[in-house]
Structures are given as structure tokens and as C-alpha cells.
PDB file of all heavy atoms in Angstrom:
ATOM      1  N   ASN A   1       1.021  -9.970  -4.270  1.00  0.00           N
ATOM      2  CA  ASN A   1       1.473 -10.842  -5.338  1.00  0.00           C
ATOM      3  C   ASN A   1       1.007 -10.301  -6.706  1.00  0.00           C
ATOM      4  O   ASN A   1       0.098 -10.827  -7.333  1.00  0.00           O
ATOM      5  CB  ASN A   1       0.942 -12.251  -5.142  1.00  0.00           C
ATOM      6  CG  ASN A   1       1.553 -13.259  -6.131  1.00  0.00           C
ATOM      7  OD1 ASN A   1       2.627 -12.998  -6.686  1.00  0.00           O
ATOM      8  ND2 ASN A   1       0.873 -14.348  -6.368  1.00  0.00           N
ATOM      9  N   VAL A   2       1.628  -9.212  -7.151  1.00  0.00           N
ATOM     10  CA  VAL A   2       1.297  -8.565  -8.425  1.00  0.00           C
ATOM     11  C   VAL A   2       2.573  -8.405  -9.233  1.00  0.00           C
ATOM     12  O   VAL A   2       3.630  -8.126  -8.679  1.00  0.00           O
ATOM     13  CB  VAL A   2       0.643  -7.188  -8.173  1.00  0.00           C
ATOM     14  CG1 VAL A   2       0.392  -6.462  -9.483  1.00  0.00           C
ATOM     15  CG2 VAL A   2      -0.652  -7.338  -7.402  1.00  0.00           C
ATOM     16  N   GLY A   3       2.447  -8.618 -10.549  1.00  0.00           N
ATOM     17  CA  GLY A   3       3.629  -8.480 -11.413  1.00  0.00           C
ATOM     18  C   GLY A   3       3.962  -7.008 -11.624  1.00  0.00           C
ATOM     19  O   GLY A   3       4.709  -6.387 -10.852  1.00  0.00           O
ATOM     20  N   VAL A   4       3.380  -6.403 -12.680  1.00  0.00           N
ATOM     21  CA  VAL A   4       3.672  -5.008 -13.003  1.00  0.00           C
ATOM     22  C   VAL A   4       2.391  -4.212 -12.765  1.00  0.00           C
ATOM     23  O   VAL A   4       1.312  -4.582 -13.182  1.00  0.00           O
ATOM     24  CB  VAL A   4       4.077  -4.850 -14.482  1.00  0.00           C
ATOM     25  CG1 VAL A   4       4.141  -3.383 -14.874  1.00  0.00           C
ATOM     26  CG2 VAL A   4       5.416  -5.543 -14.706  1.00  0.00           C
ATOM     27  N   HIS A   5       2.534  -3.074 -12.078  1.00  0.00           N
ATOM     28  CA  HIS A   5       1.418  -2.115 -11.926  1.00  0.00           C
ATOM     29  C   HIS A   5       1.467  -1.126 -13.060  1.00  0.00           C
ATOM     30  O   HIS A   5       2.506  -0.474 -13.282  1.00  0.00           O
ATOM     31  CB  HIS A   5       1.548  -1.359 -10.605  1.00  0.00           C
ATOM     32  CG  HIS A   5       1.292  -2.206  -9.360  1.00  0.00           C
ATOM     33  ND1 HIS A   5       0.021  -2.472  -8.926  1.00  0.00           N
ATOM     34  CD2 HIS A   5       2.132  -2.802  -8.511  1.00  0.00           C
ATOM     35  CE1 HIS A   5       0.089  -3.217  -7.834  1.00  0.00           C
ATOM     36  NE2 HIS A   5       1.345  -3.433  -7.575  1.00  0.00           N
ATOM     37  N   ASN A   6       0.353  -0.985 -13.768  1.00  0.00           N
ATOM     38  CA  ASN A   6       0.281   0.044 -14.795  1.00  0.00           C
ATOM     39  C   ASN A   6      -0.355   1.243 -14.177  1.00  0.00           C
ATOM     40  O   ASN A   6      -1.545   1.315 -13.853  1.00  0.00           O
ATOM     41  CB  ASN A   6      -0.599  -0.447 -15.965  1.00  0.00           C
ATOM     42  CG  ASN A   6      -0.684   0.551 -17.113  1.00  0.00           C
ATOM     43  OD1 ASN A   6      -0.282   1.701 -16.976  1.00  0.00           O
ATOM     44  ND2 ASN A   6      -1.227   0.124 -18.226  1.00  0.00           N
ATOM     45  N   GLY A   7       0.467   2.265 -13.918  1.00  0.00           N
ATOM     46  CA  GLY A   7       0.009   3.444 -13.187  1.00  0.00           C
ATOM     47  C   GLY A   7      -1.129   4.159 -13.839  1.00  0.00           C
ATOM     48  O   GLY A   7      -1.995   4.752 -13.173  1.00  0.00           O
ATOM     49  N   PHE A   8      -1.229   4.104 -15.178  1.00  0.00           N
ATOM     50  CA  PHE A   8      -2.253   4.852 -15.864  1.00  0.00           C
ATOM     51  C   PHE A   8      -3.609   4.132 -15.807  1.00  0.00           C
ATOM     52  O   PHE A   8      -4.615   4.680 -16.314  1.00  0.00           O
ATOM     53  CB  PHE A   8      -1.833   5.117 -17.313  1.00  0.00           C
ATOM     54  CG  PHE A   8      -0.578   5.957 -17.388  1.00  0.00           C
ATOM     55  CD1 PHE A   8       0.657   5.416 -17.623  1.00  0.00           C
ATOM     56  CD2 PHE A   8      -0.681   7.356 -17.176  1.00  0.00           C
ATOM     57  CE1 PHE A   8       1.812   6.211 -17.655  1.00  0.00           C
ATOM     58  CE2 PHE A   8       0.462   8.133 -17.212  1.00  0.00           C
ATOM     59  CZ  PHE A   8       1.706   7.560 -17.453  1.00  0.00           C
ATOM     60  N   ASN A   9      -3.658   2.990 -15.167  1.00  0.00           N
ATOM     61  CA  ASN A   9      -4.947   2.350 -14.889  1.00  0.00           C
ATOM     62  C   ASN A   9      -5.374   2.691 -13.450  1.00  0.00           C
ATOM     63  O   ASN A   9      -6.458   2.265 -13.029  1.00  0.00           O
ATOM     64  CB  ASN A   9      -4.833   0.824 -15.015  1.00  0.00           C
ATOM     65  CG  ASN A   9      -4.670   0.404 -16.452  1.00  0.00           C
ATOM     66  OD1 ASN A   9      -4.995   1.134 -17.367  1.00  0.00           O
ATOM     67  ND2 ASN A   9      -4.147  -0.795 -16.669  1.00  0.00           N
ATOM     68  N   TYR A  10      -4.504   3.394 -12.709  1.00  0.00           N
ATOM     69  CA  TYR A  10      -4.802   3.783 -11.313  1.00  0.00           C
ATOM     70  C   TYR A  10      -5.124   2.566 -10.479  1.00  0.00           C
ATOM     71  O   TYR A  10      -5.992   2.597  -9.613  1.00  0.00           O
ATOM     72  CB  TYR A  10      -5.909   4.826 -11.248  1.00  0.00           C
ATOM     73  CG  TYR A  10      -5.686   5.961 -12.210  1.00  0.00           C
ATOM     74  CD1 TYR A  10      -6.638   6.267 -13.193  1.00  0.00           C
ATOM     75  CD2 TYR A  10      -4.518   6.707 -12.188  1.00  0.00           C
ATOM     76  CE1 TYR A  10      -6.421   7.331 -14.073  1.00  0.00           C
ATOM     77  CE2 TYR A  10      -4.290   7.753 -13.075  1.00  0.00           C
ATOM     78  CZ  TYR A  10      -5.267   8.030 -14.026  1.00  0.00           C
ATOM     79  OH  TYR A  10      -5.005   9.058 -14.926  1.00  0.00           O
ATOM     80  N   ALA A  11      -4.426   1.473 -10.764  1.00  0.00           N
ATOM     81  CA  ALA A  11      -4.685   0.198 -10.035  1.00  0.00           C
ATOM     82  C   ALA A  11      -4.167   0.278  -8.616  1.00  0.00           C
ATOM     83  O   ALA A  11      -3.284   1.085  -8.315  1.00  0.00           O
ATOM     84  CB  ALA A  11      -4.002  -0.920 -10.791  1.00  0.00           C
ATOM     85  N   PRO A  12      -4.694  -0.540  -7.729  1.00  0.00           N
ATOM     86  CA  PRO A  12      -4.243  -0.523  -6.331  1.00  0.00           C
ATOM     87  C   PRO A  12      -2.842  -1.073  -6.174  1.00  0.00           C
ATOM     88  O   PRO A  12      -2.449  -2.033  -6.841  1.00  0.00           O
ATOM     89  CB  PRO A  12      -5.281  -1.384  -5.608  1.00  0.00           C
ATOM     90  CG  PRO A  12      -5.824  -2.268  -6.660  1.00  0.00           C
ATOM     91  CD  PRO A  12      -5.824  -1.472  -7.909  1.00  0.00           C
ATOM     92  N   CYS A  13      -2.048  -0.437  -5.321  1.00  0.00           N
ATOM     93  CA  CYS A  13      -0.738  -0.888  -4.990  1.00  0.00           C
ATOM     94  C   CYS A  13      -0.619  -0.977  -3.465  1.00  0.00           C
ATOM     95  O   CYS A  13      -1.533  -0.584  -2.754  1.00  0.00           O
ATOM     96  CB  CYS A  13       0.355   0.007  -5.591  1.00  0.00           C
ATOM     97  SG  CYS A  13       0.278   1.714  -5.011  1.00  0.00           S
ATOM     98  N   ALA A  14       0.494  -1.497  -2.979  1.00  0.00           N
ATOM     99  CA  ALA A  14       0.665  -1.683  -1.540  1.00  0.00           C
ATOM    100  C   ALA A  14       1.417  -0.501  -0.931  1.00  0.00           C
ATOM    101  O   ALA A  14       2.466  -0.088  -1.417  1.00  0.00           O
ATOM    102  CB  ALA A  14       1.427  -2.975  -1.262  1.00  0.00           C
ATOM    103  N   ILE A  15       0.864   0.027   0.147  1.00  0.00           N
ATOM    104  CA  ILE A  15       1.520   1.093   0.878  1.00  0.00           C
ATOM    105  C   ILE A  15       1.569   0.768   2.369  1.00  0.00           C
ATOM    106  O   ILE A  15       0.772  -0.040   2.864  1.00  0.00           O
ATOM    107  CB  ILE A  15       0.853   2.472   0.675  1.00  0.00           C
ATOM    108  CG1 ILE A  15      -0.569   2.479   1.292  1.00  0.00           C
ATOM    109  CG2 ILE A  15       0.815   2.823  -0.789  1.00  0.00           C
ATOM    110  CD1 ILE A  15      -1.168   3.887   1.323  1.00  0.00           C
ATOM    111  N   LEU A  16       2.568   1.355   3.045  1.00  0.00           N
ATOM    112  CA  LEU A  16       2.655   1.215   4.484  1.00  0.00           C
ATOM    113  C   LEU A  16       2.189   2.535   5.116  1.00  0.00           C
ATOM    114  O   LEU A  16       2.674   3.596   4.738  1.00  0.00           O
ATOM    115  CB  LEU A  16       4.106   0.961   4.878  1.00  0.00           C
ATOM    116  CG  LEU A  16       4.650  -0.494   4.771  1.00  0.00           C
ATOM    117  CD1 LEU A  16       4.587  -1.007   3.349  1.00  0.00           C
ATOM    118  CD2 LEU A  16       6.085  -0.543   5.284  1.00  0.00           C
ATOM    119  N   VAL A  17       1.283   2.434   6.079  1.00  0.00           N
ATOM    120  CA  VAL A  17       0.812   3.600   6.809  1.00  0.00           C
ATOM    121  C   VAL A  17       0.970   3.336   8.311  1.00  0.00           C
ATOM    122  O   VAL A  17       0.953   2.184   8.773  1.00  0.00           O
ATOM    123  CB  VAL A  17      -0.685   3.908   6.495  1.00  0.00           C
ATOM    124  CG1 VAL A  17      -0.840   4.235   5.008  1.00  0.00           C
ATOM    125  CG2 VAL A  17      -1.570   2.739   6.884  1.00  0.00           C
ATOM    126  N   PRO A  18       1.158   4.404   9.084  1.00  0.00           N
ATOM    127  CA  PRO A  18       1.291   4.194  10.537  1.00  0.00           C
ATOM    128  C   PRO A  18       0.008   3.640  11.144  1.00  0.00           C
ATOM    129  O   PRO A  18      -1.089   3.955  10.719  1.00  0.00           O
ATOM    130  CB  PRO A  18       1.573   5.595  11.066  1.00  0.00           C
ATOM    131  CG  PRO A  18       2.048   6.362   9.874  1.00  0.00           C
ATOM    132  CD  PRO A  18       1.353   5.792   8.706  1.00  0.00           C
ATOM    133  N   SER A  19       0.136   2.795  12.137  1.00  0.00           N
ATOM    134  CA  SER A  19      -1.015   2.269  12.841  1.00  0.00           C
ATOM    135  C   SER A  19      -1.619   3.418  13.671  1.00  0.00           C
ATOM    136  O   SER A  19      -1.015   4.452  13.900  1.00  0.00           O
ATOM    137  CB  SER A  19      -0.635   1.116  13.759  1.00  0.00           C
ATOM    138  OG  SER A  19       0.386   1.492  14.663  1.00  0.00           O
ATOM    139  N   GLU A  20      -2.831   3.209  14.175  1.00  0.00           N
ATOM    140  CA  GLU A  20      -3.559   4.243  14.900  1.00  0.00           C
ATOM    141  C   GLU A  20      -2.751   4.714  16.130  1.00  0.00           C
ATOM    142  O   GLU A  20      -2.803   5.891  16.502  1.00  0.00           O
ATOM    143  CB  GLU A  20      -4.931   3.777  15.290  1.00  0.00           C
ATOM    144  CG  GLU A  20      -5.903   3.670  14.127  1.00  0.00           C
ATOM    145  CD  GLU A  20      -7.303   3.400  14.547  1.00  0.00           C
ATOM    146  OE1 GLU A  20      -7.592   3.483  15.757  1.00  0.00           O
ATOM    147  OE2 GLU A  20      -8.145   3.115  13.673  1.00  0.00           O
ATOM    148  N   ASP A  21      -2.086   3.793  16.814  1.00  0.00           N
ATOM    149  CA  ASP A  21      -1.348   4.196  18.025  1.00  0.00           C
ATOM    150  C   ASP A  21       0.024   4.765  17.717  1.00  0.00           C
ATOM    151  O   ASP A  21       0.740   5.236  18.583  1.00  0.00           O
ATOM    152  CB  ASP A  21      -1.209   3.003  18.982  1.00  0.00           C
ATOM    153  CG  ASP A  21      -0.418   1.823  18.357  1.00  0.00           C
ATOM    154  OD1 ASP A  21       0.189   1.987  17.287  1.00  0.00           O
ATOM    155  OD2 ASP A  21      -0.444   0.754  18.984  1.00  0.00           O
ATOM    156  N   GLY A  22       0.407   4.751  16.410  1.00  0.00           N
ATOM    157  CA  GLY A  22       1.663   5.359  15.999  1.00  0.00           C
ATOM    158  C   GLY A  22       2.907   4.546  16.359  1.00  0.00           C
ATOM    159  O   GLY A  22       4.034   5.028  16.177  1.00  0.00           O
ATOM    160  N   LYS A  23       2.705   3.319  16.845  1.00  0.00           N
ATOM    161  CA  LYS A  23       3.837   2.501  17.264  1.00  0.00           C
ATOM    162  C   LYS A  23       4.236   1.444  16.255  1.00  0.00           C
ATOM    163  O   LYS A  23       5.285   0.817  16.389  1.00  0.00           O
ATOM    164  CB  LYS A  23       3.542   1.857  18.611  1.00  0.00           C
ATOM    165  CG  LYS A  23       3.309   2.874  19.737  1.00  0.00           C
ATOM    166  CD  LYS A  23       2.979   2.166  21.030  1.00  0.00           C
ATOM    167  CE  LYS A  23       2.780   3.164  22.178  1.00  0.00           C
ATOM    168  NZ  LYS A  23       2.427   2.490  23.461  1.00  0.00           N
ATOM    169  N   ASP A  24       3.402   1.203  15.277  1.00  0.00           N
ATOM    170  CA  ASP A  24       3.640   0.160  14.274  1.00  0.00           C
ATOM    171  C   ASP A  24       3.116   0.672  12.948  1.00  0.00           C
ATOM    172  O   ASP A  24       2.699   1.819  12.825  1.00  0.00           O
ATOM    173  CB  ASP A  24       2.952  -1.143  14.704  1.00  0.00           C
ATOM    174  CG  ASP A  24       3.505  -2.353  13.983  1.00  0.00           C
ATOM    175  OD1 ASP A  24       4.416  -2.206  13.147  1.00  0.00           O
ATOM    176  OD2 ASP A  24       3.010  -3.465  14.280  1.00  0.00           O
ATOM    177  N   PHE A  25       3.102  -0.176  11.926  1.00  0.00           N
ATOM    178  CA  PHE A  25       2.563   0.229  10.649  1.00  0.00           C
ATOM    179  C   PHE A  25       1.666  -0.901  10.097  1.00  0.00           C
ATOM    180  O   PHE A  25       1.787  -2.069  10.494  1.00  0.00           O
ATOM    181  CB  PHE A  25       3.707   0.526   9.658  1.00  0.00           C
ATOM    182  CG  PHE A  25       4.590  -0.647   9.346  1.00  0.00           C
ATOM    183  CD1 PHE A  25       4.310  -1.497   8.289  1.00  0.00           C
ATOM    184  CD2 PHE A  25       5.732  -0.883  10.086  1.00  0.00           C
ATOM    185  CE1 PHE A  25       5.131  -2.552   7.993  1.00  0.00           C
ATOM    186  CE2 PHE A  25       6.565  -1.950   9.803  1.00  0.00           C
ATOM    187  CZ  PHE A  25       6.255  -2.819   8.765  1.00  0.00           C
ATOM    188  N   ASP A  26       0.811  -0.515   9.195  1.00  0.00           N
ATOM    189  CA  ASP A  26      -0.077  -1.499   8.524  1.00  0.00           C
ATOM    190  C   ASP A  26       0.210  -1.448   7.024  1.00  0.00           C
ATOM    191  O   ASP A  26       0.591  -0.403   6.484  1.00  0.00           O
ATOM    192  CB  ASP A  26      -1.562  -1.163   8.765  1.00  0.00           C
ATOM    193  CG  ASP A  26      -1.934  -1.239  10.227  1.00  0.00           C
ATOM    194  OD1 ASP A  26      -1.553  -2.206  10.908  1.00  0.00           O
ATOM    195  OD2 ASP A  26      -2.609  -0.294  10.728  1.00  0.00           O
ATOM    196  N   ILE A  27       0.031  -2.569   6.352  1.00  0.00           N
ATOM    197  CA  ILE A  27       0.145  -2.641   4.898  1.00  0.00           C
ATOM    198  C   ILE A  27      -1.275  -2.637   4.338  1.00  0.00           C
ATOM    199  O   ILE A  27      -2.066  -3.521   4.665  1.00  0.00           O
ATOM    200  CB  ILE A  27       0.916  -3.908   4.446  1.00  0.00           C
ATOM    201  CG1 ILE A  27       2.291  -3.974   5.093  1.00  0.00           C
ATOM    202  CG2 ILE A  27       1.053  -3.869   2.917  1.00  0.00           C
ATOM    203  CD1 ILE A  27       3.084  -5.211   4.731  1.00  0.00           C
ATOM    204  N   VAL A  28      -1.582  -1.642   3.533  1.00  0.00           N
ATOM    205  CA  VAL A  28      -2.902  -1.487   2.967  1.00  0.00           C
ATOM    206  C   VAL A  28      -2.794  -1.246   1.477  1.00  0.00           C
ATOM    207  O   VAL A  28      -1.731  -1.038   0.957  1.00  0.00           O
ATOM    208  CB  VAL A  28      -3.690  -0.344   3.670  1.00  0.00           C
ATOM    209  CG1 VAL A  28      -3.842  -0.616   5.146  1.00  0.00           C
ATOM    210  CG2 VAL A  28      -3.002   0.995   3.429  1.00  0.00           C
TER     211      VAL A  28
END
């Protein structure tokens, strides 16, 4: 729940990465 990310602040954003078993993904 974030409005605008200012990239030049290097703020955290949401990414999807594969889960450890490679069968699903996590949002981190």
C-alpha cells in the first residue's frame, strides 16, 4: 500500500521471487 516510489531514495518496493522449492513465488 504505497503511492509513488521515488527511485532516487532507493526506497523498498515489492518484488516477486521464486520460492525455495521453485514451485511457487513469494512477495518480498
